Protein backbone atom coordinates (compact mmCIF):
# COMPACT_ATOMS: atom_id res chain seq x y z
CA MET A 1 -26.76 -33.16 23.35
CA ARG A 2 -25.18 -32.53 20.00
CA PRO A 3 -24.82 -35.46 17.43
CA ILE A 4 -21.52 -35.80 16.97
CA SER A 5 -21.74 -35.32 13.13
CA ALA A 6 -23.35 -32.24 14.13
CA VAL A 7 -21.04 -30.98 16.21
CA LEU A 8 -18.08 -31.98 13.90
CA SER A 9 -19.91 -30.04 10.26
CA ALA A 10 -20.34 -26.88 12.83
CA LEU A 11 -16.74 -27.77 13.33
CA SER A 12 -15.64 -29.12 9.00
CA ALA A 13 -18.39 -25.61 8.22
CA ALA A 14 -16.42 -22.66 10.37
CA ALA A 15 -12.79 -24.61 9.24
CA LEU A 16 -13.71 -23.96 5.49
CA THR A 17 -14.90 -20.57 5.87
CA GLY A 18 -11.81 -18.92 7.43
CA ALA A 19 -9.76 -21.13 5.01
CA LEU A 20 -11.76 -18.93 2.12
CA VAL A 21 -10.58 -15.27 3.91
CA LEU A 22 -8.00 -16.54 4.38
CA ALA A 23 -7.76 -17.54 0.60
CA THR A 24 -9.95 -14.22 -0.78
CA ALA A 25 -6.93 -12.00 2.52
CA GLY A 26 -4.02 -13.18 0.20
CA THR A 27 -5.20 -11.50 -3.40
CA ALA A 28 -5.19 -8.30 -1.81
CA LEU A 29 -2.21 -7.65 0.10
CA ALA A 30 -0.45 -5.86 -2.57
CA ALA A 31 -0.63 -3.30 -5.10
CA THR A 32 -0.35 -4.71 -9.06
CA GLY A 33 2.12 -2.34 -10.80
CA GLU A 34 4.64 0.65 -9.56
CA VAL A 35 5.90 3.33 -7.24
CA VAL A 36 8.51 5.14 -9.47
CA ILE A 37 10.11 8.58 -7.81
CA TYR A 38 12.01 10.49 -10.05
CA LYS A 39 14.33 12.41 -7.82
CA SER A 40 16.86 14.52 -10.20
CA GLU A 41 17.90 14.06 -13.85
CA LEU A 42 21.24 13.22 -12.46
CA GLN A 43 19.58 10.12 -9.99
CA ARG A 44 17.78 7.01 -11.10
CA LEU A 45 14.32 6.96 -10.60
CA GLU A 46 13.64 4.59 -7.15
CA THR A 47 10.65 1.83 -8.37
CA TYR A 48 8.26 -0.64 -6.03
CA SER A 49 7.21 -3.17 -7.89
CA ASN A 50 4.00 -3.91 -6.59
CA PRO A 51 4.10 -3.22 -2.83
CA PRO A 52 1.75 -4.43 0.08
CA ASN A 53 -0.80 -2.15 1.15
CA GLY A 54 -0.81 -1.38 4.60
CA GLU A 55 3.04 -0.80 4.66
CA CYS A 56 4.85 3.04 4.84
CA TYR A 57 7.81 3.57 2.77
CA PRO A 58 9.51 6.85 2.96
CA LEU A 59 10.70 9.11 0.77
CA PRO A 60 13.50 10.65 0.21
CA GLY A 61 14.85 14.02 0.77
CA THR A 62 15.63 15.05 -3.06
CA VAL A 63 12.13 13.70 -3.82
CA HIS A 64 10.10 15.51 -6.90
CA ILE A 65 7.73 13.65 -8.72
CA LEU A 66 6.35 10.14 -7.62
CA LEU A 67 4.70 8.51 -9.97
CA ASN A 68 1.58 5.83 -9.78
CA GLN A 69 1.87 3.44 -11.56
CA THR A 70 -0.77 0.62 -9.27
CA ASP A 71 -4.05 -0.36 -9.35
CA THR A 72 -4.21 0.91 -5.84
CA GLU A 73 -4.85 4.11 -4.76
CA VAL A 74 -1.81 5.72 -2.36
CA THR A 75 -1.10 8.31 -0.04
CA ILE A 76 1.26 10.96 0.49
CA HIS A 77 2.27 11.75 3.90
CA ALA A 78 3.70 14.93 5.09
CA ASP A 79 6.17 13.08 7.46
CA PRO A 80 8.52 10.01 7.13
CA ASN A 81 5.85 7.58 9.24
CA CYS A 82 2.54 7.89 7.61
CA MET A 83 1.21 8.95 10.69
CA PHE A 84 -0.87 12.24 9.69
CA PRO A 85 -3.58 12.28 6.98
CA GLY A 86 -1.77 12.30 3.97
CA VAL A 87 -3.39 13.73 0.11
CA PRO A 88 -4.09 10.98 -2.15
CA VAL A 89 -3.03 9.81 -5.00
CA GLN A 90 -4.79 7.78 -7.44
CA PRO A 91 -3.33 5.18 -10.05
CA ASP A 92 -1.94 5.87 -13.40
CA HIS A 93 -2.09 10.28 -11.79
CA GLY A 94 0.84 11.15 -10.01
CA TRP A 95 1.88 13.60 -7.40
CA HIS A 96 4.56 16.84 -7.49
CA ALA A 97 6.54 17.60 -4.59
CA PRO A 98 6.60 21.21 -3.23
CA PRO A 99 9.94 23.40 -2.73
CA SER A 100 12.30 21.02 -0.63
CA GLY A 101 11.78 21.55 3.22
CA ILE A 102 8.96 23.58 2.83
CA THR A 103 6.38 20.80 4.88
CA GLY A 104 9.53 18.38 5.19
CA PRO A 105 10.10 14.58 5.33
CA PHE A 106 7.67 12.23 3.17
CA SER A 107 6.28 8.91 3.30
CA PHE A 108 3.87 7.56 0.99
CA GLY A 109 0.63 4.12 2.16
CA ILE A 110 -0.66 1.66 -0.35
CA GLY A 111 -4.80 0.71 -0.39
């Protein structure tokens, strides 16, 4: 049998490893910056600040341009639920929507 101190040391190491994983995972859960949606001259810009990774955002049917001003890749999907593969938009780049009605509703996801 193992001495109690060896078991306690192993448990402490496992708890410390788990705490470090959780602490570092929290730093990568959101993009830093903004995703900006331009619809028309008559509508206000839509801004998503520090959007969390893994989230899906349906885009309005009037979307015209998406600007990725985050530090993370944004993916444009040709469906409202981010279900299908999409087009990546790198940080500090933009995406121009095709004319309305050609491919249907869009959405974007982070990461």
